[in-house]
Amino acid sequence: MKLVLMGTNDFVVPIFDAVRTAGHEIVAVFTRAPKPVGRKQVLTPSPVHQWADAHGLNVHTNIGEYNYNPDMIVVVSYGVILRDNVLKSAPCVNIHPSSLPQYRGPSPIRTAIFNGDASSAVCLMQVTAEMDAGDVYMRRAFDIGENDTNADVERRVSEIGAEMLIEYLSRPGDFPPVPQSGDVTFTRKFAGADEIIDWTRSARDIHNQVRALGAGRTKINGMDVKILQTRVHDGKLDILTIQPAGKKPMDWKSFVNGQRGADIKIGE
């Protein structure tokens, strides 16, 4: 099958590589343009761009360059709105990591973890002009552990999504489209302000915040710190890994020892 692939982020790469190794012809790859990265703001291609280059594939970073008529278009975490010239050129499917119509939008995995959900799903769906509103061809549920991070769940979604996509591409006629039903909910992009910890919230809520966003920001003994890893034990929040501003990450015990016996004042 001749395919155009569209995607950007890290967790997309294993999915697209599964398509490549399955023997499908990839006529083009579309991804987001390179972005400045790091302190030196080095212009860096997306993970999907780097993967495509490594395999000698035809890469585009401007959707305006689209001029193809493949057998199918596969979209996973691309981050670009597709217009009629793309959607009408071939059937277009998307892997979306939520149990649609729940958690449409840009951050379904982070939102599920942030909300403390114990399960979610991967949906293989039709791409339409309305965001994440298309019919669903395949749906597979999975569990989210109480300590799973965004990275953990992304890896799980990559594995499940790759299996679903390869199965679908081998016999697309066996999976009739099913309209979405139920209450529709939407996600939003998380910002830096969402990392700020409100210590009046429960231990479980703060734990979910840290594992969803990768860090929680606060002050300890007057220092700006990032809390990188936590757990909840007997209803209380245990801080496992912390990173003071300008320093490398360290375990909580090392941080406390560095305070030389001073009382630990969290949030101050």
Protein backbone atom coordinates (compact mmCIF):
# COMPACT_ATOMS: atom_id res chain seq x y z
CA MET A 1 0.00 0.00 0.00
CA LYS A 2 1.26 3.49 -0.90
CA LEU A 3 1.19 5.70 2.19
CA VAL A 4 1.79 9.28 3.24
CA LEU A 5 2.76 9.53 6.91
CA MET A 6 2.20 12.65 9.02
CA GLY A 7 3.58 13.01 12.54
CA THR A 8 6.06 14.83 14.74
CA ASN A 9 6.70 13.51 18.26
CA ASP A 10 8.96 10.82 19.75
CA PHE A 11 6.27 8.25 20.40
CA VAL A 12 5.23 8.36 16.72
CA VAL A 13 8.56 6.96 15.49
CA PRO A 14 8.00 3.30 16.57
CA ILE A 15 4.57 3.37 14.92
CA PHE A 16 5.90 4.66 11.62
CA ASP A 17 8.85 2.28 11.75
CA ALA A 18 6.45 -0.64 12.15
CA VAL A 19 4.69 0.52 8.97
CA ARG A 20 8.02 0.71 7.15
CA THR A 21 9.15 -2.76 8.22
CA ALA A 22 5.75 -4.21 7.25
CA GLY A 23 6.68 -3.46 3.65
CA HIS A 24 4.36 -0.60 2.79
CA GLU A 25 5.60 2.02 0.33
CA ILE A 26 6.07 5.37 2.07
CA VAL A 27 5.82 7.98 -0.66
CA ALA A 28 6.24 10.99 1.66
CA VAL A 29 6.53 12.02 5.30
CA PHE A 30 5.11 15.31 6.62
CA THR A 31 6.28 16.69 9.95
CA ARG A 32 6.58 19.97 11.83
CA ALA A 33 9.38 22.37 10.92
CA PRO A 34 12.65 22.27 12.95
CA LYS A 35 12.55 24.16 16.25
CA PRO A 36 15.24 25.83 18.40
CA VAL A 37 16.32 23.47 21.19
CA GLY A 38 18.46 23.93 24.30
CA ARG A 39 20.27 26.90 25.74
CA LYS A 40 22.00 27.60 22.44
CA GLN A 41 18.67 27.35 20.60
CA VAL A 42 20.04 25.00 17.96
CA LEU A 43 17.53 24.47 15.15
CA THR A 44 16.62 20.78 15.47
CA PRO A 45 14.44 18.59 13.22
CA SER A 46 11.57 16.70 14.84
CA PRO A 47 12.06 13.05 15.87
CA VAL A 48 9.94 11.96 12.89
CA HIS A 49 12.04 14.13 10.57
CA GLN A 50 15.23 12.53 11.87
CA TRP A 51 13.74 9.06 11.45
CA ALA A 52 12.66 9.79 7.88
CA ASP A 53 16.08 11.17 6.98
CA ALA A 54 17.76 8.08 8.43
CA HIS A 55 15.73 5.89 6.07
CA GLY A 56 16.07 8.10 3.01
CA LEU A 57 12.41 9.04 2.88
CA ASN A 58 10.95 12.11 1.20
CA VAL A 59 10.30 14.66 3.99
CA HIS A 60 8.21 17.84 3.97
CA THR A 61 7.85 20.41 6.76
CA ASN A 62 5.19 22.52 5.02
CA ILE A 63 1.72 21.06 4.51
CA GLY A 64 1.30 23.54 1.68
CA GLU A 65 3.65 21.31 -0.34
CA TYR A 66 1.17 18.43 -0.27
CA ASN A 67 0.52 17.13 -3.79
CA TYR A 68 0.02 13.37 -3.47
CA ASN A 69 -2.61 10.72 -4.18
CA PRO A 70 -1.62 7.77 -1.98
CA ASP A 71 -3.73 4.76 -1.10
CA MET A 72 -3.99 6.08 2.46
CA ILE A 73 -2.74 8.85 4.77
CA VAL A 74 -1.70 7.97 8.33
CA VAL A 75 -1.67 10.79 10.90
CA VAL A 76 -0.26 10.44 14.43
CA SER A 77 0.43 13.46 16.66
CA TYR A 78 1.13 15.77 13.74
CA GLY A 79 -0.16 19.03 15.21
CA VAL A 80 -1.26 20.59 11.91
CA ILE A 81 -4.84 21.14 10.70
CA LEU A 82 -5.51 19.24 7.47
CA ARG A 83 -7.46 20.95 4.71
CA ASP A 84 -9.71 19.49 2.01
CA ASN A 85 -6.87 19.12 -0.50
CA VAL A 86 -5.34 16.53 1.85
CA LEU A 87 -8.51 14.92 3.20
CA LYS A 88 -10.00 14.43 -0.28
CA SER A 89 -6.83 12.95 -1.79
CA ALA A 90 -7.10 9.58 0.01
CA PRO A 91 -8.67 7.87 3.03
CA CYS A 92 -7.05 9.40 6.12
CA VAL A 93 -6.70 7.61 9.47
CA ASN A 94 -5.41 8.80 12.82
CA ILE A 95 -4.23 7.08 15.99
CA HIS A 96 -5.71 8.93 18.95
CA PRO A 97 -4.74 7.94 22.52
CA SER A 98 -8.05 8.25 24.34
CA SER A 99 -11.42 6.53 24.48
CA LEU A 100 -13.20 8.84 22.05
CA PRO A 101 -15.28 10.97 22.30
CA GLN A 102 -13.55 11.52 25.64
CA TYR A 103 -10.43 13.71 25.59
CA ARG A 104 -10.44 15.07 22.07
CA GLY A 105 -7.70 17.60 21.40
CA PRO A 106 -3.96 18.05 21.94
CA SER A 107 -3.16 16.36 25.27
CA PRO A 108 -5.22 13.20 25.85
CA ILE A 109 -2.46 11.22 27.60
CA ARG A 110 -1.36 14.00 29.95
CA THR A 111 -4.97 14.85 30.73
CA ALA A 112 -5.84 11.25 31.62
CA ILE A 113 -2.87 11.01 33.99
CA PHE A 114 -3.47 14.49 35.44
CA ASN A 115 -7.05 13.47 36.20
CA GLY A 116 -5.93 10.21 37.81
CA ASP A 117 -7.68 7.93 35.31
CA ALA A 118 -6.97 4.23 35.80
CA SER A 119 -7.59 3.31 32.16
CA SER A 120 -7.78 4.75 28.67
CA ALA A 121 -7.86 3.48 25.09
CA VAL A 122 -6.24 3.82 21.70
CA CYS A 123 -8.59 4.59 18.81
CA LEU A 124 -7.87 4.20 15.12
CA MET A 125 -10.21 6.70 13.57
CA GLN A 126 -11.15 8.51 10.40
CA VAL A 127 -9.75 12.02 10.07
CA THR A 128 -12.39 14.65 9.32
CA ALA A 129 -12.46 18.43 9.18
CA GLU A 130 -13.81 18.52 12.76
CA MET A 131 -11.07 17.76 15.29
CA ASP A 132 -11.07 14.14 16.51
CA ALA A 133 -14.72 13.71 15.54
CA GLY A 134 -14.40 11.00 12.89
CA ASP A 135 -15.77 7.47 12.98
CA VAL A 136 -13.72 4.86 14.87
CA TYR A 137 -12.41 1.77 13.05
CA MET A 138 -10.67 0.08 15.99
CA ARG A 139 -10.58 0.66 19.76
CA ARG A 140 -8.33 -1.03 22.32
CA ALA A 141 -8.38 -0.31 26.04
CA PHE A 142 -5.36 -0.31 28.34
CA ASP A 143 -4.67 0.28 32.02
CA ILE A 144 -2.81 3.24 33.52
CA GLY A 145 -0.86 2.37 36.67
CA GLU A 146 -0.93 4.74 39.63
CA ASN A 147 2.77 5.56 39.11
CA ASP A 148 2.82 5.57 35.30
CA THR A 149 4.26 8.75 33.80
CA ASN A 150 3.43 10.41 30.50
CA ALA A 151 6.48 8.71 28.97
CA ASP A 152 5.34 5.30 30.25
CA VAL A 153 1.90 5.69 28.71
CA GLU A 154 3.29 7.06 25.44
CA ARG A 155 5.41 3.91 25.06
CA ARG A 156 2.34 1.75 25.68
CA VAL A 157 0.34 3.74 23.13
CA SER A 158 3.15 3.34 20.58
CA GLU A 159 3.09 -0.44 20.97
CA ILE A 160 -0.69 -0.74 20.85
CA GLY A 161 -1.05 1.81 18.06
CA ALA A 162 1.54 0.10 15.88
CA GLU A 163 -0.20 -3.28 16.26
CA MET A 164 -3.59 -1.76 15.44
CA LEU A 165 -2.32 0.13 12.41
CA ILE A 166 -0.51 -2.85 10.87
CA GLU A 167 -3.61 -5.00 11.36
CA TYR A 168 -5.85 -2.35 9.82
CA LEU A 169 -3.61 -1.69 6.81
CA SER A 170 -3.49 -5.40 6.02
CA ARG A 171 -7.28 -5.60 5.60
CA PRO A 172 -9.02 -2.23 5.99
CA GLY A 173 -12.32 -3.59 4.70
CA ASP A 174 -12.67 -5.78 7.80
CA PHE A 175 -13.06 -2.79 10.12
CA PRO A 176 -16.30 -0.87 9.44
CA PRO A 177 -16.43 2.70 10.78
CA VAL A 178 -18.42 3.20 14.00
CA PRO A 179 -19.71 6.71 14.82
CA GLN A 180 -18.59 8.11 18.16
CA SER A 181 -21.25 8.16 20.86
CA GLY A 182 -21.46 9.57 24.36
CA ASP A 183 -20.42 12.80 26.03
CA VAL A 184 -17.70 14.76 24.24
CA THR A 185 -14.85 16.21 26.32
CA PHE A 186 -11.87 18.26 25.18
CA THR A 187 -8.28 18.65 26.34
CA ARG A 188 -6.03 21.70 26.24
CA LYS A 189 -2.33 22.30 25.91
CA PHE A 190 -0.63 22.38 29.30
CA ALA A 191 1.59 25.40 30.01
CA GLY A 192 4.43 26.10 32.41
CA ALA A 193 2.02 27.55 34.95
CA ASP A 194 0.34 24.14 35.22
CA GLU A 195 3.54 22.79 36.82
CA ILE A 196 3.22 25.08 39.85
CA ILE A 197 2.21 22.98 42.85
CA ASP A 198 -0.70 24.05 45.01
CA TRP A 199 0.05 22.39 48.35
CA THR A 200 -3.58 22.66 49.45
CA ARG A 201 -4.43 19.92 46.96
CA SER A 202 -4.36 16.26 47.93
CA ALA A 203 -1.24 14.09 47.81
CA ARG A 204 -2.80 12.06 45.01
CA ASP A 205 -3.59 15.17 42.94
CA ILE A 206 -0.03 16.47 43.27
CA HIS A 207 1.38 13.04 42.39
CA ASN A 208 -0.80 12.96 39.28
CA GLN A 209 0.35 16.45 38.35
CA VAL A 210 4.03 15.51 38.59
CA ARG A 211 3.75 12.27 36.64
CA ALA A 212 1.57 13.86 33.94
CA LEU A 213 3.70 16.94 33.35
CA GLY A 214 7.14 15.53 34.19
CA ALA A 215 7.76 18.06 36.94
CA GLY A 216 6.08 20.12 39.63
CA ARG A 217 7.54 23.52 40.47
CA THR A 218 7.62 24.97 43.97
CA LYS A 219 9.88 26.56 46.58
CA ILE A 220 11.66 24.67 49.35
CA ASN A 221 13.53 26.70 51.97
CA GLY A 222 13.26 29.68 49.66
CA MET A 223 14.82 27.88 46.68
CA ASP A 224 13.12 27.33 43.34
CA VAL A 225 12.98 23.58 42.73
CA LYS A 226 11.41 21.08 40.39
CA ILE A 227 9.96 17.92 41.88
CA LEU A 228 10.56 15.24 39.26
CA GLN A 229 9.30 12.03 40.84
CA THR A 230 6.86 11.27 43.64
CA ARG A 231 4.76 8.49 45.07
CA VAL A 232 1.85 8.27 47.47
CA HIS A 233 2.35 6.09 50.54
CA ASP A 234 -0.27 5.75 53.29
CA GLY A 235 -2.04 8.80 51.91
CA LYS A 236 1.06 11.00 52.09
CA LEU A 237 3.21 12.37 49.27
CA ASP A 238 6.78 11.10 49.17
CA ILE A 239 9.22 13.19 47.12
CA LEU A 240 11.69 10.86 45.40
CA THR A 241 13.65 13.03 42.95
CA ILE A 242 14.18 16.78 42.99
CA GLN A 243 16.11 19.35 40.99
CA PRO A 244 17.09 22.67 42.58
CA ALA A 245 17.40 25.54 40.12
CA GLY A 246 20.76 25.46 38.35
CA LYS A 247 21.66 22.00 39.65
CA LYS A 248 21.37 18.42 38.50
CA PRO A 249 18.53 16.14 39.63
CA MET A 250 19.14 14.36 42.95
CA ASP A 251 17.29 12.04 45.27
CA TRP A 252 15.33 13.55 48.15
CA LYS A 253 17.68 12.24 50.85
CA SER A 254 20.69 13.93 49.21
CA PHE A 255 18.77 17.18 48.97
CA VAL A 256 17.78 17.06 52.65
CA ASN A 257 21.36 16.25 53.68
CA GLY A 258 22.50 19.31 51.75
CA GLN A 259 20.31 21.49 53.97
CA ARG A 260 22.64 20.70 56.90
CA GLY A 261 19.96 20.03 59.45
CA ALA A 262 17.76 23.04 58.62
CA ASP A 263 14.01 22.53 58.86
CA ILE A 264 12.48 21.73 55.47
CA LYS A 265 9.85 24.32 54.57
CA ILE A 266 7.96 23.25 51.49
CA GLY A 267 6.19 25.92 49.49
CA GLU A 268 8.11 28.74 51.20
